[in-house]
Amino acid sequence: MKAIVLAVTSALCLFSNVGHAQSNEDISGGVIWESEPYMAVDPLNPQHLVVAWMGSAGSALNIKTVTTFNGGATWSSPAVIPHQSPTYTSADVSMAFGQSGNMYTAYIDSRKSPDSGAVYIVKSTDGGLTWGSATQVISGFADGTKYPLDRPWLAVNSKGAVDMLYVTSKPAPWVAPPNRPYFVKSYDAGITWSAWRNIDSTGYLVGNVIQAPMAAPAIDSAGRFHCIYPAYLPSESLYPRYIMATNGPGNSFSYNTAETITASGGTIDTLAKAGGKFICDPAHNGHFAFVHIENRLGDLDVFSIETTDGGVTWSAPVRVNDDAAGNGKMQDMAWANFDENGDLVTAWRDRRNAPGTGYEQPTEMWGAIKWFDSSAFSGNFKISDTAAPYDSIYLHGPGNDFMNVAMAQDTLSAVWGDVRTGALNIWFSRRAMRTGVTTMVKNIVTERMPGVNIYPNPGSQRITIEGAGMTGIMLNDLSGKVVLKKKIDAARFVLDISGIVPGEYIAVINTQNGMITRKIEIR
């Protein structure tokens, strides 16, 4: 029974040789903080890349994009996708190229209290420089109070006469389980969308305890849609599972078990970004991989499973990071990609060189490659050139939930967020995989937000908050629950915390220029 309980913990957190490095460069040109980058590479021109991210501007979050046509040497000015309402905020962007120069971006545009909004998609016909009008994919009220807007993933099948688009999503993060993942698709390049359905089904149900059942989608070399999602329902399986669902005629699905988690090294840190990436090899039909985070050996590691028969059978999990097992040095925020030859590249956020253990440590970005003709991953290599210090911004909602990598013509491209400059900015790197030489690392953000000072910290009865242009403060516990919310109309504000349970909290301060987060301790 103990093994079963430990294995359940892992499932609940789903979606829970170094070359010469040169300096990294910021490419986003945004303000305050920029996070959760997503990158798409043009399959017809690997020098053409588009990066999108969630960026702060004023009191709202916007989706911003930049484009390069020369492999990252120069980038366009940021384009901002407009909101559907002045009171909305945008988040959770994903992108994919289609055919005939089309490119698509899916994202949330919504607000909380009162709940409203939807998942939207926009199309670019000029390679990501400009974007057309938004089309609604799934409404926030499509499934009653479940609010199925969180983390919409986009996948595109461009092999037919017209691009076919697929979007998966899940309930909003504040919605209590039982929760299920959602699926919609478009037969006409995103103009109209099918009725939604839940992806899971009898025999392969998510169950009643998984808070955020994210479905990671992919399109195989034949143009078929698949996704992998977590499931734990004891009446169907005593152990947690990762289920692969394949879309058939209409909105029907068939299912295979990708992994049954029968072993765990203990409970995992709930702060970790433990999402998984499901990918299909474009060169070899039926060859898929799922790269994810698990605690099998005493701390969080990156694991990969593969199938060569379309998901009927899967390999045993392979540990990708090669630091000492069980050393307490957490890995998280994994991503992966197949190149045009079937070579598998994986990347993640790494703490192997941090002075301590756990989540709140300095981080670097590391990677590994498994060449198609190899039976094992390479030795790990460093993608970033600088260790980024820990910052409490990582604890808040926009705290950089994932990175992104892609490989084409033996060249790795990577984007991620870190706080080395004192603000959460997005960085871009290129690496020649055959030689192990990092040719560029660029920062996409340059501007900073004015600081906020909070004292005393730790505090017990009252704390003072000082900063220019402040408009409000919200205090969240580490689970994300709001425990206090106040308006501010001065540059100095005294906050009464005498009635709050002692512990660690995240203070989210809204200003006229955007949002600032600080970690505080109440005694």
Protein backbone atom coordinates (compact mmCIF):
# COMPACT_ATOMS: atom_id res chain seq x y z
CA MET A 1 0.00 0.00 0.00
CA LYS A 2 2.87 2.43 0.77
CA ALA A 3 4.25 2.01 -2.77
CA ILE A 4 0.83 2.72 -4.24
CA VAL A 5 0.41 5.91 -2.19
CA LEU A 6 3.87 7.18 -3.18
CA ALA A 7 3.24 6.43 -6.83
CA VAL A 8 -0.05 8.35 -6.72
CA THR A 9 1.83 11.44 -5.60
CA SER A 10 3.93 11.39 -8.76
CA ALA A 11 0.88 11.14 -11.03
CA LEU A 12 -0.89 14.04 -9.36
CA CYS A 13 1.97 16.35 -10.32
CA LEU A 14 1.80 15.72 -14.05
CA PHE A 15 1.75 18.76 -16.31
CA SER A 16 3.19 18.22 -12.94
CA ASN A 17 29.70 16.95 -22.52
CA VAL A 18 29.45 20.78 -22.47
CA GLY A 19 30.46 22.93 -25.44
CA HIS A 20 31.86 26.42 -25.38
CA ALA A 21 29.23 28.86 -24.07
CA GLN A 22 28.99 32.49 -25.08
CA SER A 23 26.90 35.16 -23.39
CA ASN A 24 23.09 34.87 -23.62
CA GLU A 25 20.99 37.70 -25.09
CA ASP A 26 17.45 38.90 -24.22
CA ILE A 27 15.06 38.97 -27.25
CA SER A 28 11.61 39.92 -25.93
CA GLY A 29 11.87 43.67 -25.39
CA GLY A 30 9.10 43.60 -22.81
CA VAL A 31 8.60 45.18 -19.40
CA ILE A 32 8.57 44.02 -15.80
CA TRP A 33 8.57 40.26 -16.26
CA GLU A 34 8.11 37.92 -19.18
CA SER A 35 7.50 34.21 -18.72
CA GLU A 36 6.29 30.85 -20.04
CA PRO A 37 7.86 31.09 -23.52
CA TYR A 38 6.72 28.95 -26.43
CA MET A 39 8.74 28.53 -29.63
CA ALA A 40 7.79 27.26 -33.08
CA VAL A 41 10.24 26.45 -35.89
CA ASP A 42 9.16 26.61 -39.53
CA PRO A 43 9.52 23.03 -40.86
CA LEU A 44 10.34 24.42 -44.33
CA ASN A 45 12.95 26.90 -43.07
CA PRO A 46 14.72 26.15 -39.76
CA GLN A 47 16.11 29.70 -39.70
CA HIS A 48 12.56 30.99 -39.27
CA LEU A 49 11.49 30.86 -35.62
CA VAL A 50 8.70 32.53 -33.67
CA VAL A 51 8.69 32.93 -29.89
CA ALA A 52 5.56 33.82 -27.91
CA TRP A 53 5.26 34.47 -24.21
CA MET A 54 3.10 35.87 -21.43
CA GLY A 55 4.25 39.40 -20.69
CA SER A 56 3.26 42.07 -18.22
CA ALA A 57 1.99 45.41 -19.45
CA GLY A 58 0.20 47.78 -17.11
CA SER A 59 -2.15 45.84 -14.84
CA ALA A 60 -2.85 43.05 -17.36
CA LEU A 61 -0.98 40.19 -18.99
CA ASN A 62 -0.57 40.12 -22.76
CA ILE A 63 0.60 37.55 -25.30
CA LYS A 64 3.62 38.92 -27.16
CA THR A 65 5.49 37.43 -30.11
CA VAL A 66 8.79 38.02 -31.92
CA THR A 67 10.06 36.51 -35.17
CA THR A 68 13.46 35.79 -36.65
CA PHE A 69 14.22 34.73 -40.22
CA ASN A 70 17.97 34.30 -39.71
CA GLY A 71 18.23 31.78 -36.90
CA GLY A 72 18.06 34.30 -34.07
CA ALA A 73 20.71 36.79 -35.23
CA THR A 74 18.05 39.52 -35.39
CA TRP A 75 14.45 39.62 -34.17
CA SER A 76 11.35 41.62 -35.05
CA SER A 77 9.82 44.10 -32.66
CA PRO A 78 7.31 42.44 -30.30
CA ALA A 79 3.76 42.09 -31.59
CA VAL A 80 1.00 42.17 -28.96
CA ILE A 81 -2.18 40.12 -29.44
CA PRO A 82 -5.10 42.35 -28.35
CA HIS A 83 -7.61 41.40 -25.64
CA GLN A 84 -11.22 40.52 -26.39
CA SER A 85 -12.28 42.85 -23.57
CA PRO A 86 -10.47 45.73 -21.83
CA THR A 87 -10.93 43.90 -18.51
CA TYR A 88 -9.39 40.63 -19.74
CA THR A 89 -5.90 39.27 -19.28
CA SER A 90 -4.10 36.72 -21.49
CA ALA A 91 -2.00 33.68 -20.65
CA ASP A 92 -0.91 30.14 -21.57
CA VAL A 93 0.23 30.51 -25.18
CA SER A 94 1.08 27.67 -27.59
CA MET A 95 1.89 27.80 -31.32
CA ALA A 96 2.26 25.64 -34.41
CA PHE A 97 3.07 26.10 -38.08
CA GLY A 98 0.64 24.93 -40.74
CA GLN A 99 0.98 24.91 -44.50
CA SER A 100 1.21 27.72 -47.07
CA GLY A 101 2.96 30.03 -44.61
CA ASN A 102 0.18 29.88 -42.02
CA MET A 103 1.00 29.98 -38.34
CA TYR A 104 -1.43 29.59 -35.44
CA THR A 105 -1.39 30.69 -31.80
CA ALA A 106 -3.76 29.48 -29.07
CA TYR A 107 -4.12 31.30 -25.74
CA ILE A 108 -6.50 32.20 -22.93
CA ASP A 109 -8.12 35.61 -22.75
CA SER A 110 -10.25 35.85 -19.62
CA ARG A 111 -10.79 37.26 -16.18
CA LYS A 112 -11.66 35.89 -12.77
CA SER A 113 -14.38 37.41 -10.59
CA PRO A 114 -16.67 37.52 -12.37
CA ASP A 115 -15.45 34.55 -14.40
CA SER A 116 -15.53 35.17 -18.14
CA GLY A 117 -13.53 34.60 -21.29
CA ALA A 118 -12.49 31.74 -23.54
CA VAL A 119 -9.67 29.98 -25.34
CA TYR A 120 -8.95 31.80 -28.59
CA ILE A 121 -6.84 31.22 -31.66
CA VAL A 122 -5.27 33.72 -34.05
CA LYS A 123 -3.58 33.13 -37.41
CA SER A 124 -0.57 34.79 -39.02
CA THR A 125 -0.01 34.66 -42.77
CA ASP A 126 3.34 36.48 -42.69
CA GLY A 127 5.38 34.19 -40.50
CA GLY A 128 4.37 35.57 -37.11
CA LEU A 129 4.96 39.28 -37.75
CA THR A 130 1.26 40.18 -37.54
CA TRP A 131 -1.86 38.36 -36.36
CA GLY A 132 -5.44 38.27 -37.61
CA SER A 133 -8.69 38.42 -35.68
CA ALA A 134 -9.26 35.94 -32.86
CA THR A 135 -11.66 33.00 -33.14
CA GLN A 136 -13.18 31.42 -30.02
CA VAL A 137 -12.19 27.79 -29.51
CA ILE A 138 -13.97 26.90 -26.25
CA SER A 139 -15.92 29.16 -23.90
CA GLY A 140 -15.23 29.51 -20.22
CA PHE A 141 -18.81 28.41 -19.58
CA ALA A 142 -18.75 25.40 -21.92
CA ASP A 143 -18.83 22.97 -18.99
CA GLY A 144 -20.72 24.79 -16.26
CA THR A 145 -18.51 25.78 -13.34
CA LYS A 146 -15.47 23.78 -14.47
CA TYR A 147 -14.21 26.74 -16.54
CA PRO A 148 -12.23 24.65 -19.10
CA LEU A 149 -9.68 27.29 -20.05
CA ASP A 150 -6.44 26.34 -18.38
CA ARG A 151 -3.29 25.48 -20.35
CA PRO A 152 -4.69 25.15 -23.89
CA TRP A 153 -2.24 23.16 -26.04
CA LEU A 154 -2.40 23.51 -29.83
CA ALA A 155 -1.46 20.84 -32.40
CA VAL A 156 -1.77 21.20 -36.19
CA ASN A 157 -2.04 18.55 -38.91
CA SER A 158 -0.85 20.24 -42.10
CA LYS A 159 -0.74 17.12 -44.29
CA GLY A 160 -4.18 17.48 -45.89
CA ALA A 161 -5.70 20.00 -48.26
CA VAL A 162 -6.56 22.26 -45.30
CA ASP A 163 -4.86 22.60 -41.91
CA MET A 164 -6.64 20.63 -39.18
CA LEU A 165 -6.28 22.17 -35.72
CA TYR A 166 -6.62 20.46 -32.34
CA VAL A 167 -6.74 22.03 -28.87
CA THR A 168 -6.67 20.34 -25.47
CA SER A 169 -7.39 22.15 -22.20
CA LYS A 170 -8.34 21.50 -18.58
CA PRO A 171 -10.38 23.19 -15.83
CA ALA A 172 -9.18 26.40 -14.24
CA PRO A 173 -6.56 25.84 -11.51
CA TRP A 174 -8.92 26.92 -8.71
CA VAL A 175 -11.54 24.29 -9.65
CA ALA A 176 -11.53 21.36 -7.23
CA PRO A 177 -11.42 17.80 -8.59
CA PRO A 178 -12.86 15.65 -10.02
CA ASN A 179 -11.58 17.23 -13.24
CA ARG A 180 -11.15 15.95 -16.80
CA PRO A 181 -9.23 17.14 -19.89
CA TYR A 182 -11.05 18.66 -22.89
CA PHE A 183 -10.69 18.25 -26.65
CA VAL A 184 -11.92 20.32 -29.62
CA LYS A 185 -10.84 20.33 -33.26
CA SER A 186 -11.27 22.37 -36.43
CA TYR A 187 -11.51 20.97 -39.97
CA ASP A 188 -11.19 24.39 -41.63
CA ALA A 189 -7.96 25.95 -40.33
CA GLY A 190 -9.54 27.34 -37.17
CA ILE A 191 -12.57 29.11 -38.63
CA THR A 192 -15.09 26.82 -36.91
CA TRP A 193 -14.69 24.31 -34.09
CA SER A 194 -16.31 21.03 -33.13
CA ALA A 195 -18.33 20.53 -29.98
CA TRP A 196 -16.05 19.80 -27.04
CA ARG A 197 -15.70 16.42 -25.38
CA ASN A 198 -13.73 14.99 -22.48
CA ILE A 199 -10.71 13.03 -23.66
CA ASP A 200 -10.84 10.29 -21.01
CA SER A 201 -13.39 7.48 -21.10
CA THR A 202 -14.42 4.32 -19.23
CA GLY A 203 -11.42 2.12 -18.54
CA TYR A 204 -9.11 5.12 -18.91
CA LEU A 205 -10.73 7.73 -16.67
CA VAL A 206 -8.71 10.48 -14.99
CA GLY A 207 -10.43 9.70 -11.69
CA ASN A 208 -11.54 11.83 -8.77
CA VAL A 209 -8.33 13.15 -7.20
CA ILE A 210 -6.13 14.67 -9.93
CA GLN A 211 -6.38 18.45 -9.70
CA ALA A 212 -4.96 19.39 -13.11
CA PRO A 213 -5.27 16.55 -15.67
CA MET A 214 -3.30 18.11 -18.50
CA ALA A 215 -3.41 16.35 -21.88
CA ALA A 216 -0.15 16.82 -23.85
CA PRO A 217 -0.93 16.60 -27.61
CA ALA A 218 1.11 15.60 -30.67
CA ILE A 219 0.59 14.87 -34.37
CA ASP A 220 2.30 11.77 -35.81
CA SER A 221 3.97 11.41 -39.21
CA ALA A 222 0.68 10.19 -40.74
CA GLY A 223 -1.23 13.23 -39.48
CA ARG A 224 -3.06 11.49 -36.61
CA PHE A 225 -3.73 13.23 -33.31
CA HIS A 226 -2.59 11.66 -30.02
CA CYS A 227 -2.27 12.95 -26.47
CA ILE A 228 -1.09 11.69 -23.09
CA TYR A 229 -2.83 12.49 -19.80
CA PRO A 230 -2.59 11.29 -16.17
CA ALA A 231 -5.13 8.92 -14.64
CA TYR A 232 -5.74 7.38 -11.24
CA LEU A 233 -8.95 5.52 -10.49
CA PRO A 234 -8.42 2.45 -8.24
CA SER A 235 -11.39 0.59 -9.73
CA GLU A 236 -9.59 0.70 -13.11
CA SER A 237 -5.97 0.44 -11.94
CA LEU A 238 -4.40 0.17 -8.49
CA TYR A 239 -1.55 2.37 -9.71
CA PRO A 240 -1.48 5.77 -11.38
CA ARG A 241 -1.08 5.70 -15.15
CA TYR A 242 -0.22 7.86 -18.12
CA ILE A 243 -2.80 7.17 -20.85
CA MET A 244 -2.27 7.75 -24.57
CA ALA A 245 -5.48 8.67 -26.40
CA THR A 246 -5.71 8.55 -30.22
CA ASN A 247 -8.38 10.47 -32.10
CA GLY A 248 -10.36 8.33 -34.53
CA PRO A 249 -13.37 9.15 -36.70
CA GLY A 250 -15.17 12.29 -35.55
CA ASN A 251 -14.50 12.91 -31.89
CA SER A 252 -13.95 9.26 -30.94
CA PHE A 253 -10.83 8.00 -29.15
CA SER A 254 -8.94 4.75 -28.68
CA TYR A 255 -6.59 4.23 -25.72
CA ASN A 256 -3.32 2.61 -24.65
CA THR A 257 -1.50 2.75 -21.32
CA ALA A 258 1.85 4.51 -21.83
CA GLU A 259 3.15 4.01 -18.29
CA THR A 260 1.95 2.51 -15.02
CA ILE A 261 3.74 4.13 -12.08
CA THR A 262 4.45 1.31 -9.66
CA ALA A 263 7.54 2.82 -8.01
CA SER A 264 8.25 6.11 -6.31
CA GLY A 265 11.11 7.50 -4.27
CA GLY A 266 8.77 9.40 -1.96
CA THR A 267 6.60 12.49 -1.98
CA ILE A 268 7.64 15.24 -4.37
CA ASP A 269 7.97 18.98 -3.92
CA THR A 270 4.66 20.56 -4.93
CA LEU A 271 6.47 23.72 -6.08
CA ALA A 272 8.15 21.85 -8.94
CA LYS A 273 6.99 22.42 -12.52
CA ALA A 274 6.36 18.76 -13.27
CA GLY A 275 4.65 18.89 -16.67
CA GLY A 276 5.39 16.43 -19.46
CA LYS A 277 5.99 16.76 -23.20
CA PHE A 278 4.60 14.21 -25.70
CA ILE A 279 6.17 14.20 -29.17
CA CYS A 280 6.00 12.16 -32.39
CA ASP A 281 8.94 11.40 -34.67
CA PRO A 282 8.24 12.99 -38.09
CA ALA A 283 10.62 10.59 -39.87
CA HIS A 284 9.55 7.21 -38.45
CA ASN A 285 5.88 6.31 -38.24
CA GLY A 286 4.81 5.00 -34.84
CA HIS A 287 7.88 6.32 -33.00
CA PHE A 288 6.74 8.52 -30.07
CA ALA A 289 8.33 9.74 -26.84
CA PHE A 290 6.98 11.12 -23.57
CA VAL A 291 9.41 13.10 -21.43
CA HIS A 292 8.28 13.93 -17.89
CA ILE A 293 9.31 14.45 -14.26
CA GLU A 294 9.16 11.65 -11.69
CA ASN A 295 10.55 10.86 -8.24
CA ARG A 296 11.82 7.30 -8.52
CA LEU A 297 15.25 7.62 -6.90
CA GLY A 298 14.75 10.03 -4.02
CA ASP A 299 14.39 13.34 -5.85
CA LEU A 300 12.83 14.70 -9.05
CA ASP A 301 14.48 13.54 -12.27
CA VAL A 302 13.73 13.71 -16.00
CA PHE A 303 12.47 10.41 -17.43
CA SER A 304 11.72 9.39 -20.99
CA ILE A 305 9.61 6.54 -22.35
CA GLU A 306 9.39 5.60 -26.05
CA THR A 307 7.27 3.48 -28.36
CA THR A 308 7.99 2.30 -31.91
CA ASP A 309 4.61 0.67 -32.59
CA GLY A 310 2.31 3.65 -32.28
CA GLY A 311 1.79 3.39 -28.54
CA VAL A 312 0.81 -0.26 -28.22
CA THR A 313 3.95 -1.03 -26.19
CA TRP A 314 6.28 1.38 -24.40
CA SER A 315 9.83 1.16 -23.06
CA ALA A 316 10.65 1.27 -19.37
CA PRO A 317 11.35 4.81 -18.07
CA VAL A 318 14.93 5.98 -18.72
CA ARG A 319 16.54 8.59 -16.46
CA VAL A 320 17.83 11.40 -18.70
CA ASN A 321 19.76 13.69 -16.32
CA ASP A 322 23.14 12.21 -15.41
CA ASP A 323 23.96 13.89 -12.10
CA ALA A 324 24.27 11.61 -9.07
CA ALA A 325 21.00 9.81 -8.37
CA GLY A 326 19.24 10.66 -5.11
CA ASN A 327 21.39 13.73 -4.44
CA GLY A 328 18.41 15.97 -3.66
CA LYS A 329 19.17 18.19 -6.69
CA MET A 330 15.75 18.65 -8.25
CA GLN A 331 15.14 18.73 -12.00
CA ASP A 332 11.90 20.17 -13.38
CA MET A 333 10.34 22.06 -16.32
CA ALA A 334 11.15 19.36 -18.90
CA TRP A 335 10.66 19.75 -22.65
CA ALA A 336 11.55 17.64 -25.70
CA ASN A 337 11.53 17.61 -29.49
CA PHE A 338 12.24 15.27 -32.42
CA ASP A 339 14.19 16.68 -35.37
CA GLU A 340 13.58 15.80 -39.01
CA ASN A 341 15.74 12.65 -38.70
CA GLY A 342 14.17 11.24 -35.53
CA ASP A 343 16.87 12.47 -33.14
CA LEU A 344 15.37 13.16 -29.70
CA VAL A 345 16.50 16.22 -27.74
CA THR A 346 15.44 16.88 -24.15
CA ALA A 347 15.97 19.90 -21.92
CA TRP A 348 15.06 20.91 -18.38
CA ARG A 349 15.73 23.26 -15.46
CA ASP A 350 18.57 21.86 -13.34
CA ARG A 351 19.92 22.45 -9.82
CA ARG A 352 22.92 20.09 -9.80
CA ASN A 353 25.35 22.95 -9.15
CA ALA A 354 23.22 24.64 -6.47
CA PRO A 355 24.61 24.88 -2.93
CA GLY A 356 21.55 23.26 -1.34
CA THR A 357 18.62 20.97 -2.14
CA GLY A 358 14.97 21.56 -2.94
CA TYR A 359 13.13 24.00 -5.21
CA GLU A 360 14.42 27.33 -3.88
CA GLN A 361 17.93 27.08 -5.36
CA PRO A 362 19.90 28.69 -8.21
CA THR A 363 19.12 27.04 -11.55
CA GLU A 364 20.66 26.36 -14.94
CA MET A 365 19.22 24.93 -18.16
CA TRP A 366 20.61 21.55 -19.22
CA GLY A 367 19.90 19.11 -22.03
CA ALA A 368 20.66 15.72 -23.55
CA ILE A 369 20.26 14.15 -26.98
CA LYS A 370 19.45 10.63 -28.12
CA TRP A 371 20.52 10.24 -31.73
CA PHE A 372 18.15 8.03 -33.69
CA ASP A 373 20.83 5.39 -34.27
CA SER A 374 21.82 5.35 -30.57
CA SER A 375 20.34 3.27 -27.79
CA ALA A 376 21.01 5.82 -25.03
CA PHE A 377 21.03 9.54 -24.29
CA SER A 378 24.27 11.48 -24.53
CA GLY A 379 26.04 12.97 -21.60
CA ASN A 380 24.25 16.07 -20.36
CA PHE A 381 25.25 19.51 -21.66
CA LYS A 382 24.56 22.99 -20.34
CA ILE A 383 22.26 25.22 -22.41
CA SER A 384 22.35 28.39 -20.31
CA ASP A 385 25.61 30.21 -19.65
CA THR A 386 24.79 31.64 -16.23
CA ALA A 387 23.26 30.24 -13.06
CA ALA A 388 20.13 32.23 -12.23
CA PRO A 389 19.42 32.91 -8.55
CA TYR A 390 16.18 31.75 -6.97
CA ASP A 391 13.44 34.38 -6.83
CA SER A 392 9.99 34.25 -5.24
CA ILE A 393 8.44 35.18 -8.63
CA TYR A 394 8.74 31.46 -9.40
CA LEU A 395 6.13 30.74 -6.72
CA HIS A 396 3.46 32.95 -8.28
CA GLY A 397 1.19 31.97 -11.16
CA PRO A 398 3.31 33.55 -13.93
CA GLY A 399 6.49 32.07 -12.49
CA ASN A 400 7.79 30.44 -15.66
CA ASP A 401 6.00 27.10 -15.85
CA PHE A 402 8.00 25.72 -18.77
CA MET A 403 10.83 26.15 -21.24
CA ASN A 404 10.89 25.11 -24.90
CA VAL A 405 13.42 23.47 -27.23
CA ALA A 406 13.45 22.47 -30.88
CA MET A 407 16.07 20.95 -33.14
CA ALA A 408 16.53 21.08 -36.92
CA GLN A 409 19.55 20.31 -39.10
CA ASP A 410 21.56 19.30 -36.01
CA THR A 411 21.04 22.75 -34.44
CA LEU A 412 19.30 23.11 -31.10
CA SER A 413 17.22 26.20 -30.32
CA ALA A 414 16.01 26.83 -26.77
CA VAL A 415 13.97 29.48 -24.93
CA TRP A 416 13.46 29.80 -21.20
CA GLY A 417 12.93 32.37 -18.45
CA ASP A 418 15.26 33.25 -15.60
CA VAL A 419 15.96 36.15 -13.22
CA ARG A 420 19.70 36.67 -13.68
CA THR A 421 19.10 40.36 -14.49
CA GLY A 422 16.86 40.94 -11.47
CA ALA A 423 13.66 40.53 -13.50
CA LEU A 424 12.03 37.47 -15.05
CA ASN A 425 13.16 37.68 -18.67
CA ILE A 426 13.23 35.25 -21.59
CA TRP A 427 16.46 33.93 -23.07
CA PHE A 428 17.22 32.28 -26.40
CA SER A 429 20.11 29.92 -27.19
CA ARG A 430 21.45 28.15 -30.30
CA ARG A 431 23.81 25.18 -30.17
CA ALA A 432 25.47 23.12 -32.91
CA MET A 433 24.86 19.61 -31.65
CA ARG A 434 27.55 17.79 -33.62
CA THR A 435 30.33 20.09 -32.41
CA GLY A 436 28.88 20.97 -29.01
CA VAL A 437 29.44 24.70 -29.60
CA THR A 438 26.89 27.22 -28.32
CA THR A 439 26.76 29.92 -30.98
CA MET A 440 24.48 32.43 -29.28
CA VAL A 441 22.45 33.06 -26.13
CA LYS A 442 20.13 36.08 -26.34
CA ASN A 443 17.87 37.85 -23.85
CA ILE A 444 14.48 38.95 -25.23
CA VAL A 445 13.66 41.48 -22.46
CA THR A 446 15.36 44.70 -21.43
CA GLU A 447 13.08 46.84 -19.28
CA ARG A 448 12.65 46.66 -15.51
CA MET A 449 9.87 47.43 -13.08
CA PRO A 450 10.49 49.91 -10.23
CA GLY A 451 11.15 48.09 -7.00
CA VAL A 452 8.91 47.58 -3.98
CA ASN A 453 10.23 47.44 -0.44
CA ILE A 454 8.47 45.33 2.25
CA TYR A 455 9.54 45.50 5.90
CA PRO A 456 9.86 44.05 8.45
CA ASN A 457 10.16 40.68 6.76
CA PRO A 458 9.61 38.41 8.64
CA GLY A 459 6.81 40.33 10.37
CA SER A 460 4.19 39.52 12.97
CA GLN A 461 1.61 42.31 13.40
CA ARG A 462 2.06 44.86 10.60
CA ILE A 463 4.27 45.20 7.56
CA THR A 464 5.02 48.34 5.55
CA ILE A 465 4.97 48.32 1.75
CA GLU A 466 6.69 51.11 -0.17
CA GLY A 467 6.74 51.58 -3.94
CA ALA A 468 5.77 53.96 -6.72
CA GLY A 469 2.35 53.70 -8.38
CA MET A 470 0.97 50.90 -6.20
CA THR A 471 -2.74 50.13 -6.64
CA GLY A 472 -3.32 46.97 -4.61
CA ILE A 473 -1.89 43.98 -2.80
CA MET A 474 -2.98 40.34 -2.66
CA LEU A 475 -1.51 37.81 -0.23
CA ASN A 476 -1.49 34.15 -1.33
CA ASP A 477 -0.42 31.09 0.60
CA LEU A 478 1.95 28.68 -1.15
CA SER A 479 -0.97 26.66 -2.52
CA GLY A 480 -2.21 29.77 -4.35
CA LYS A 481 -5.18 30.50 -2.04
CA VAL A 482 -5.87 34.21 -1.53
CA VAL A 483 -5.80 35.02 2.19
CA LEU A 484 -5.91 38.84 2.01
CA LYS A 485 -6.64 41.49 -0.61
CA LYS A 486 -6.41 45.29 -0.21
CA LYS A 487 -6.51 48.37 -2.42
CA ILE A 488 -3.58 50.80 -2.17
CA ASP A 489 -3.67 54.47 -3.15
CA ALA A 490 -0.36 55.70 -1.77
CA ALA A 491 3.37 55.11 -2.17
CA ARG A 492 3.54 53.84 1.44
CA PHE A 493 1.01 51.45 2.96
CA VAL A 494 0.85 49.66 6.33
CA LEU A 495 -0.76 46.22 6.13
CA ASP A 496 -2.31 44.57 9.20
CA ILE A 497 -1.29 40.88 9.21
CA SER A 498 -2.15 40.12 12.83
CA GLY A 499 -5.04 37.82 11.92
CA ILE A 500 -3.11 35.68 9.42
CA VAL A 501 -1.79 32.23 10.33
CA PRO A 502 2.03 32.26 10.62
CA GLY A 503 3.86 30.87 7.61
CA GLU A 504 5.28 31.78 4.21
CA TYR A 505 3.20 33.77 1.72
CA ILE A 506 3.50 35.38 -1.70
CA ALA A 507 2.64 39.08 -1.84
CA VAL A 508 1.40 40.17 -5.28
CA ILE A 509 1.60 43.95 -5.59
CA ASN A 510 -0.22 45.60 -8.49
CA THR A 511 1.25 48.87 -9.72
CA GLN A 512 0.47 51.25 -12.57
CA ASN A 513 3.33 49.62 -14.49
CA GLY A 514 2.49 45.98 -13.79
CA MET A 515 2.77 43.29 -11.16
CA ILE A 516 5.51 42.59 -8.59
CA THR A 517 5.71 39.51 -6.38
CA ARG A 518 7.61 39.12 -3.12
CA LYS A 519 7.88 36.24 -0.68
CA ILE A 520 7.15 37.21 2.93
CA GLU A 521 7.13 35.35 6.21
CA ILE A 522 4.57 35.95 8.95
CA ARG A 523 5.49 34.94 12.50
